[in-house]
Amino acid sequence: MKQVRIGVLGCGTAAHFHAAAFRSSQKIKMMSAFDANYENAKKLADIYNLTVSKTYQDMLKNDEIDAVLITLPHHLHTEPTVAAAEAGKHILCEKPMAPTLEECDKMIKAAKKAGVKLMIAENHRFLPAHGLIKKTLDDGLIGKPLLVRGYEGVDETPDLSKPEHWKGSPEKAGGGVLMDAAVHKFAILNWMLGDMASAYCWLAKQVIKLENKAEDNAMTFLKFESGCIGEIVVSDTVFSPPNNRLEFYGTEGTILEDHSWKKPVQIFSTAKEAGENRHQWFSPEVEHDTFPGYYIISFHKEDEHFAECVLEDKEPVFTPEEAKNAVAVVLLCYLSAKTGKIAIWSDLEKVASTKGTRSIIKGLEKVAI
């Protein structure tokens, strides 16, 4: 196999970002598109000269397709993933992996049983600026991390304002902005700082007042097993270009990162490992571009990595288990918001073993203040 021949299930905005990355790749060839809305599929097919599949089951029967990209609403990730695995197709599925831990487990089990690759498309894991931060932390330039702050803000109000749209629906999206956006932050912070130990969360409905929609703004306080504490703020009601930020404060320095900066990472270090940059702010060179450039860069890198995993029979650096853990942190935060208390892992495990984690997202539309 010289190229991964891929079919696209779900032809919304995320699919177009991936399709642009596929077109620039020598390792991937798009073959077919499917969307429950035929016009969406036809639009993508016309741009990239693809066939249109009547159903996703028809796509899975196509022997000329090696893998599928799943960019469907969150609650529709599990069934096509299991079906694709059973059909022998490799799977690249958009984040979050699924709204519940039980669904994540089904996806992992199906892929392992079939011997196919399953990778969750967590583009933040493949952003060069985040790779630089991970290396800076690992190299000890800021010593032991004590405090982290993270922020992501976008404008999702057009879709959230539609009562029938899946965005923001606990049943279909698995919740509001925490499940849709904070899952990014939890995935990379688990990677950078290790496992989290507890969470305390506030949810707010500040713009979208629809009874069937969950939070549009959220603030979460975290504690990591290392002792580091953190604050994560996410918003779906930011009326300016999308942006992300991270701040790390350690015993020997500070890291500031902002996607809107042309040089996105600034470091101040008192550690000897900083060499000639010690005791001054410096911004290492790293591949980056302001919005929407960083989306294009990260999507290209994650899609190339997925193709390499298929072609070279290797496992993704961002494993399905890590993707499941990011969802688990979201659910831990939701559990805190519902109980009004700090939530720890044993609390989540108890709910999972008795009621199932779907019980956590059920009724979230009534929790936000």
Protein backbone atom coordinates (compact mmCIF):
# COMPACT_ATOMS: atom_id res chain seq x y z
CA MET A 1 0.00 0.00 0.00
CA LYS A 2 1.50 3.34 -1.09
CA GLN A 3 -1.44 5.54 -0.14
CA VAL A 4 -4.25 5.32 2.37
CA ARG A 5 -7.50 5.50 0.43
CA ILE A 6 -10.03 7.18 2.67
CA GLY A 7 -13.77 7.76 2.82
CA VAL A 8 -15.31 10.67 4.72
CA LEU A 9 -18.33 10.16 6.98
CA GLY A 10 -19.82 13.55 7.81
CA CYS A 11 -19.11 16.55 5.60
CA GLY A 12 -19.28 19.60 7.87
CA THR A 13 -16.60 22.14 8.77
CA ALA A 14 -14.16 19.66 10.31
CA ALA A 15 -14.33 17.47 7.20
CA HIS A 16 -13.29 20.41 5.03
CA PHE A 17 -10.24 21.09 7.22
CA HIS A 18 -9.24 17.43 6.94
CA ALA A 19 -9.95 17.35 3.20
CA ALA A 20 -7.62 20.29 2.62
CA ALA A 21 -4.92 18.45 4.59
CA PHE A 22 -5.54 15.24 2.63
CA ARG A 23 -5.18 17.04 -0.68
CA SER A 24 -1.74 18.32 0.28
CA SER A 25 -0.59 14.83 1.31
CA GLN A 26 1.19 12.24 -0.81
CA LYS A 27 0.14 9.53 1.63
CA ILE A 28 -3.64 9.96 1.52
CA LYS A 29 -6.17 9.76 -1.29
CA MET A 30 -9.79 10.73 -0.71
CA MET A 31 -12.24 8.42 -2.43
CA SER A 32 -15.80 9.00 -1.28
CA ALA A 33 -18.05 11.17 0.91
CA PHE A 34 -21.19 10.49 2.91
CA ASP A 35 -23.46 12.80 4.87
CA ALA A 36 -27.07 12.37 5.97
CA ASN A 37 -27.57 15.71 4.22
CA TYR A 38 -26.84 14.81 0.59
CA GLU A 39 -26.03 18.43 -0.33
CA ASN A 40 -23.22 18.51 2.25
CA ALA A 41 -21.70 15.36 0.77
CA LYS A 42 -22.09 16.62 -2.78
CA LYS A 43 -20.40 19.92 -1.93
CA LEU A 44 -17.32 18.14 -0.58
CA ALA A 45 -17.38 15.64 -3.45
CA ASP A 46 -17.54 18.38 -6.08
CA ILE A 47 -14.60 20.26 -4.58
CA TYR A 48 -12.35 17.20 -4.32
CA ASN A 49 -13.70 15.03 -7.15
CA LEU A 50 -15.10 12.27 -4.95
CA THR A 51 -17.91 9.80 -5.32
CA VAL A 52 -20.94 10.16 -3.03
CA SER A 53 -21.97 7.13 -1.00
CA LYS A 54 -25.71 6.70 -0.36
CA THR A 55 -25.07 5.25 3.11
CA TYR A 56 -21.98 4.82 5.23
CA GLN A 57 -22.60 1.07 5.07
CA ASP A 58 -22.16 1.27 1.29
CA MET A 59 -18.85 3.03 1.82
CA LEU A 60 -17.66 0.30 4.18
CA LYS A 61 -18.41 -2.35 1.52
CA ASN A 62 -16.09 -0.60 -0.94
CA ASP A 63 -12.87 -2.64 -1.29
CA GLU A 64 -11.09 0.40 -2.70
CA ILE A 65 -11.35 2.19 0.66
CA ASP A 66 -8.76 1.41 3.35
CA ALA A 67 -9.87 3.82 6.06
CA VAL A 68 -12.60 6.22 7.10
CA LEU A 69 -12.60 9.68 8.60
CA ILE A 70 -15.54 10.13 10.98
CA THR A 71 -16.56 13.76 11.45
CA LEU A 72 -20.14 13.13 12.55
CA PRO A 73 -21.85 14.61 15.64
CA HIS A 74 -20.40 13.22 18.86
CA HIS A 75 -23.21 10.77 19.60
CA LEU A 76 -22.75 9.19 16.17
CA HIS A 77 -19.07 8.26 16.57
CA THR A 78 -19.43 4.82 18.13
CA GLU A 79 -21.67 2.88 15.75
CA PRO A 80 -19.77 3.77 12.54
CA THR A 81 -16.44 3.14 14.30
CA VAL A 82 -17.50 -0.36 15.33
CA ALA A 83 -18.94 -1.04 11.86
CA ALA A 84 -15.78 0.25 10.16
CA ALA A 85 -13.57 -1.92 12.35
CA GLU A 86 -15.69 -4.98 11.59
CA ALA A 87 -15.34 -4.16 7.88
CA GLY A 88 -11.56 -4.07 8.26
CA LYS A 89 -11.24 -0.30 7.77
CA HIS A 90 -8.83 1.86 9.77
CA ILE A 91 -10.48 4.75 11.60
CA LEU A 92 -9.62 8.42 12.14
CA CYS A 93 -12.40 9.85 14.31
CA GLU A 94 -12.86 13.46 15.37
CA LYS A 95 -12.74 14.45 19.04
CA PRO A 96 -14.26 14.01 21.52
CA MET A 97 -13.99 10.24 21.15
CA ALA A 98 -17.56 9.69 22.39
CA PRO A 99 -19.87 11.21 25.03
CA THR A 100 -19.52 8.29 27.49
CA LEU A 101 -16.73 6.02 28.71
CA GLU A 102 -18.77 2.96 27.79
CA GLU A 103 -18.92 4.08 24.16
CA CYS A 104 -15.18 4.79 24.17
CA ASP A 105 -14.58 1.24 25.41
CA LYS A 106 -16.73 -0.20 22.61
CA MET A 107 -14.67 1.68 20.03
CA ILE A 108 -11.36 0.54 21.51
CA LYS A 109 -12.51 -3.07 21.82
CA ALA A 110 -13.80 -3.21 18.24
CA ALA A 111 -10.58 -1.80 16.78
CA LYS A 112 -8.39 -4.16 18.79
CA LYS A 113 -10.50 -7.18 17.88
CA ALA A 114 -10.35 -6.31 14.18
CA GLY A 115 -6.65 -5.40 14.24
CA VAL A 116 -7.22 -1.97 12.67
CA LYS A 117 -5.81 1.42 13.63
CA LEU A 118 -8.03 3.72 15.65
CA MET A 119 -6.87 7.30 16.15
CA ILE A 120 -8.84 10.21 17.58
CA ALA A 121 -8.19 13.43 15.68
CA GLU A 122 -6.98 15.60 18.54
CA ASN A 123 -5.31 18.33 16.49
CA HIS A 124 -3.98 20.17 19.57
CA ARG A 125 -1.69 17.21 20.22
CA PHE A 126 -0.06 17.81 16.84
CA LEU A 127 0.33 21.58 17.03
CA PRO A 128 4.09 22.35 16.92
CA ALA A 129 3.75 25.00 19.66
CA HIS A 130 2.37 22.37 22.02
CA GLY A 131 5.20 20.00 21.14
CA LEU A 132 7.65 22.77 22.02
CA ILE A 133 5.95 23.31 25.39
CA LYS A 134 6.09 19.59 26.15
CA LYS A 135 9.83 19.52 25.39
CA THR A 136 10.42 22.66 27.47
CA LEU A 137 8.69 21.04 30.45
CA ASP A 138 10.52 17.74 29.97
CA ASP A 139 13.87 19.55 29.71
CA GLY A 140 13.25 21.16 33.10
CA LEU A 141 13.44 24.77 31.96
CA ILE A 142 10.73 25.89 34.38
CA GLY A 143 11.49 23.34 37.08
CA LYS A 144 8.50 21.68 38.74
CA PRO A 145 5.17 22.99 37.35
CA LEU A 146 3.07 24.49 40.13
CA LEU A 147 0.23 26.23 38.30
CA VAL A 148 -1.31 26.00 34.82
CA ARG A 149 -3.96 28.17 33.23
CA GLY A 150 -5.72 27.39 29.96
CA TYR A 151 -8.29 29.15 27.80
CA GLU A 152 -10.17 28.44 24.59
CA GLY A 153 -12.76 30.78 23.14
CA VAL A 154 -14.81 30.46 19.95
CA ASP A 155 -18.16 31.64 18.61
CA GLU A 156 -20.56 28.71 18.38
CA THR A 157 -23.68 30.82 18.88
CA PRO A 158 -25.13 30.30 15.36
CA ASP A 159 -25.48 26.54 15.86
CA LEU A 160 -26.14 26.66 19.61
CA SER A 161 -29.02 29.06 18.97
CA LYS A 162 -30.89 26.46 16.90
CA PRO A 163 -33.03 24.31 19.22
CA GLU A 164 -32.88 21.34 16.85
CA HIS A 165 -29.11 21.46 16.23
CA TRP A 166 -26.96 18.83 17.94
CA LYS A 167 -24.41 21.34 19.23
CA GLY A 168 -24.79 21.87 22.96
CA SER A 169 -27.27 19.03 23.38
CA PRO A 170 -26.38 16.73 26.32
CA GLU A 171 -27.96 13.82 24.47
CA LYS A 172 -26.21 14.39 21.14
CA ALA A 173 -23.05 16.37 21.94
CA GLY A 174 -22.47 14.90 25.38
CA GLY A 175 -22.77 18.33 26.94
CA GLY A 176 -21.81 21.86 26.12
CA VAL A 177 -18.53 23.73 25.73
CA LEU A 178 -16.64 21.48 28.18
CA MET A 179 -17.21 18.39 26.05
CA ASP A 180 -16.66 20.23 22.79
CA ALA A 181 -13.67 22.44 23.66
CA ALA A 182 -12.19 21.65 27.07
CA VAL A 183 -11.54 18.09 25.92
CA HIS A 184 -8.70 19.65 23.85
CA LYS A 185 -7.10 21.12 26.94
CA PHE A 186 -7.53 17.98 29.04
CA ALA A 187 -5.93 15.82 26.34
CA ILE A 188 -2.78 17.93 26.13
CA LEU A 189 -2.50 18.67 29.86
CA ASN A 190 -2.70 14.95 30.66
CA TRP A 191 0.17 14.56 28.18
CA MET A 192 2.22 17.48 29.48
CA LEU A 193 1.65 17.26 33.24
CA GLY A 194 0.43 13.73 33.93
CA ASP A 195 -2.84 12.48 35.33
CA MET A 196 -5.37 14.68 37.05
CA ALA A 197 -6.59 13.83 40.54
CA SER A 198 -9.67 16.00 41.11
CA ALA A 199 -11.86 18.71 39.63
CA TYR A 200 -14.26 21.44 40.70
CA CYS A 201 -16.43 22.94 37.99
CA TRP A 202 -18.84 25.81 37.33
CA LEU A 203 -21.13 25.78 34.30
CA ALA A 204 -22.96 28.84 32.95
CA LYS A 205 -25.61 29.57 30.31
CA GLN A 206 -24.90 33.21 29.64
CA VAL A 207 -26.05 33.70 26.06
CA ILE A 208 -27.82 30.54 24.94
CA LYS A 209 -30.90 30.27 27.16
CA LEU A 210 -32.56 27.35 25.33
CA GLU A 211 -33.95 24.76 27.75
CA ASN A 212 -32.49 21.81 25.83
CA LYS A 213 -28.93 23.18 25.60
CA ALA A 214 -26.08 22.77 28.09
CA GLU A 215 -23.46 25.29 29.21
CA ASP A 216 -22.04 27.87 26.80
CA ASN A 217 -19.31 28.98 29.26
CA ALA A 218 -17.43 27.00 31.90
CA MET A 219 -14.65 27.29 34.45
CA THR A 220 -12.88 24.30 35.96
CA PHE A 221 -10.32 24.05 38.74
CA LEU A 222 -8.05 21.01 38.58
CA LYS A 223 -5.49 19.28 40.73
CA PHE A 224 -2.93 16.96 39.18
CA GLU A 225 -1.43 13.94 40.90
CA SER A 226 1.91 15.79 40.80
CA GLY A 227 0.44 18.51 43.00
CA CYS A 228 0.18 21.08 40.21
CA ILE A 229 -3.10 23.00 40.23
CA GLY A 230 -4.89 24.47 37.24
CA GLU A 231 -7.67 26.66 35.95
CA ILE A 232 -9.32 25.96 32.58
CA VAL A 233 -11.79 28.45 31.07
CA VAL A 234 -13.72 27.70 27.87
CA SER A 235 -16.33 29.74 26.06
CA ASP A 236 -18.62 29.25 23.06
CA THR A 237 -19.70 32.90 23.11
CA VAL A 238 -16.56 34.80 22.13
CA PHE A 239 -17.39 37.29 19.40
CA SER A 240 -13.90 37.57 17.97
CA PRO A 241 -11.59 35.17 16.10
CA PRO A 242 -11.05 31.79 17.84
CA ASN A 243 -8.11 31.69 20.21
CA ASN A 244 -6.31 29.40 22.64
CA ARG A 245 -3.84 30.16 25.43
CA LEU A 246 -1.77 28.24 27.96
CA GLU A 247 0.30 29.48 30.91
CA PHE A 248 2.67 27.36 33.00
CA TYR A 249 4.31 28.61 36.20
CA GLY A 250 7.05 26.51 37.76
CA THR A 251 9.74 26.63 40.43
CA GLU A 252 12.30 27.89 37.89
CA GLY A 253 10.37 29.74 35.24
CA THR A 254 7.29 30.48 33.17
CA ILE A 255 5.86 29.48 29.78
CA LEU A 256 3.28 31.65 28.03
CA GLU A 257 1.57 30.44 24.85
CA ASP A 258 -0.99 32.25 22.72
CA HIS A 259 -2.22 31.03 19.34
CA SER A 260 -2.75 34.63 18.18
CA TRP A 261 0.97 35.46 18.43
CA LYS A 262 3.16 34.93 15.38
CA LYS A 263 5.76 33.51 17.77
CA PRO A 264 3.32 31.61 19.97
CA VAL A 265 5.58 30.52 22.86
CA GLN A 266 7.47 32.77 25.29
CA ILE A 267 9.73 31.31 27.98
CA PHE A 268 11.42 32.77 31.02
CA SER A 269 13.81 30.43 32.82
CA THR A 270 16.18 30.66 35.74
CA ALA A 271 17.37 27.09 35.18
CA LYS A 272 20.90 26.37 33.96
CA GLU A 273 19.32 24.29 31.15
CA ALA A 274 18.26 27.58 29.51
CA GLY A 275 21.90 28.37 28.69
CA GLU A 276 22.44 31.78 27.13
CA ASN A 277 18.68 32.50 27.39
CA ARG A 278 18.72 32.23 31.17
CA HIS A 279 17.07 35.10 33.11
CA GLN A 280 15.40 36.63 30.06
CA TRP A 281 12.28 36.15 27.97
CA PHE A 282 12.87 34.28 24.72
CA SER A 283 10.66 32.90 21.94
CA PRO A 284 12.02 29.78 20.21
CA GLU A 285 11.31 29.37 16.51
CA VAL A 286 8.44 26.97 15.88
CA GLU A 287 6.14 26.32 12.92
CA HIS A 288 3.01 28.38 13.47
CA ASP A 289 0.52 30.75 11.90
CA THR A 290 -2.33 32.76 13.35
CA PHE A 291 -5.96 31.71 12.83
CA PRO A 292 -6.86 29.83 10.72
CA GLY A 293 -3.27 28.89 9.96
CA TYR A 294 -2.68 26.83 13.11
CA TYR A 295 -5.72 24.70 12.27
CA ILE A 296 -4.29 23.91 8.84
CA ILE A 297 -0.87 23.07 10.28
CA SER A 298 -2.18 20.81 13.05
CA PHE A 299 -4.74 19.03 10.86
CA HIS A 300 -2.06 18.30 8.26
CA LYS A 301 0.33 16.89 10.85
CA GLU A 302 -2.27 14.70 12.57
CA ASP A 303 -3.59 13.35 9.26
CA GLU A 304 -0.08 12.60 8.01
CA HIS A 305 0.63 10.76 11.27
CA PHE A 306 -2.52 8.67 10.89
CA ALA A 307 -1.51 7.72 7.36
CA GLU A 308 1.98 6.77 8.54
CA CYS A 309 0.48 4.55 11.26
CA VAL A 310 -1.55 2.68 8.63
CA LEU A 311 1.24 2.46 6.04
CA GLU A 312 3.98 1.54 8.51
CA ASP A 313 1.84 -0.52 10.90
CA LYS A 314 2.62 1.53 13.98
CA GLU A 315 0.46 2.80 16.81
CA PRO A 316 -0.67 6.45 17.03
CA VAL A 317 1.29 8.64 19.45
CA PHE A 318 -2.10 9.87 20.70
CA THR A 319 -3.67 6.59 21.72
CA PRO A 320 -7.39 5.81 21.99
CA GLU A 321 -6.85 5.28 25.70
CA GLU A 322 -5.52 8.85 26.03
CA ALA A 323 -8.54 10.12 24.11
CA LYS A 324 -10.81 8.22 26.49
CA ASN A 325 -8.98 9.76 29.47
CA ALA A 326 -9.68 13.26 28.13
CA VAL A 327 -13.39 12.41 27.97
CA ALA A 328 -13.14 11.04 31.51
CA VAL A 329 -11.84 14.39 32.78
CA VAL A 330 -14.78 16.15 31.11
CA LEU A 331 -17.18 13.75 32.85
CA LEU A 332 -15.35 14.30 36.15
CA CYS A 333 -15.95 18.03 35.74
CA TYR A 334 -19.61 17.50 34.92
CA LEU A 335 -19.98 15.28 37.97
CA SER A 336 -18.54 18.09 40.09
CA ALA A 337 -20.96 20.62 38.58
CA LYS A 338 -23.94 18.35 39.24
CA THR A 339 -22.99 17.59 42.85
CA GLY A 340 -21.58 21.01 43.70
CA LYS A 341 -18.52 19.35 45.21
CA ILE A 342 -14.94 18.50 44.31
CA ALA A 343 -15.03 15.27 42.29
CA ILE A 344 -12.28 12.64 42.48
CA TRP A 345 -11.70 9.57 40.32
CA SER A 346 -13.34 7.16 42.75
CA ASP A 347 -16.55 9.23 42.44
CA LEU A 348 -16.51 8.82 38.67
CA GLU A 349 -15.70 5.11 38.93
CA LYS A 350 -18.62 4.59 41.32
CA VAL A 351 -21.05 6.23 38.91
CA ALA A 352 -19.61 4.27 35.98
CA SER A 353 -20.03 0.94 37.79
CA THR A 354 -23.56 1.63 39.07
CA LYS A 355 -25.48 4.01 36.80
CA GLY A 356 -23.16 4.32 33.80
CA THR A 357 -21.53 7.56 32.69
CA ARG A 358 -24.46 8.54 30.48
CA SER A 359 -26.23 9.39 33.74
CA ILE A 360 -23.72 12.21 34.24
CA ILE A 361 -24.57 14.02 31.00
CA LYS A 362 -28.29 13.39 31.38
CA GLY A 363 -29.97 16.57 32.60
CA LEU A 364 -26.91 18.82 32.14
CA GLU A 365 -29.13 21.43 30.48
CA LYS A 366 -30.62 22.08 33.93
CA VAL A 367 -27.31 22.38 35.80
CA ALA A 368 -25.75 25.51 34.33
CA ILE A 369 -26.29 28.68 36.38
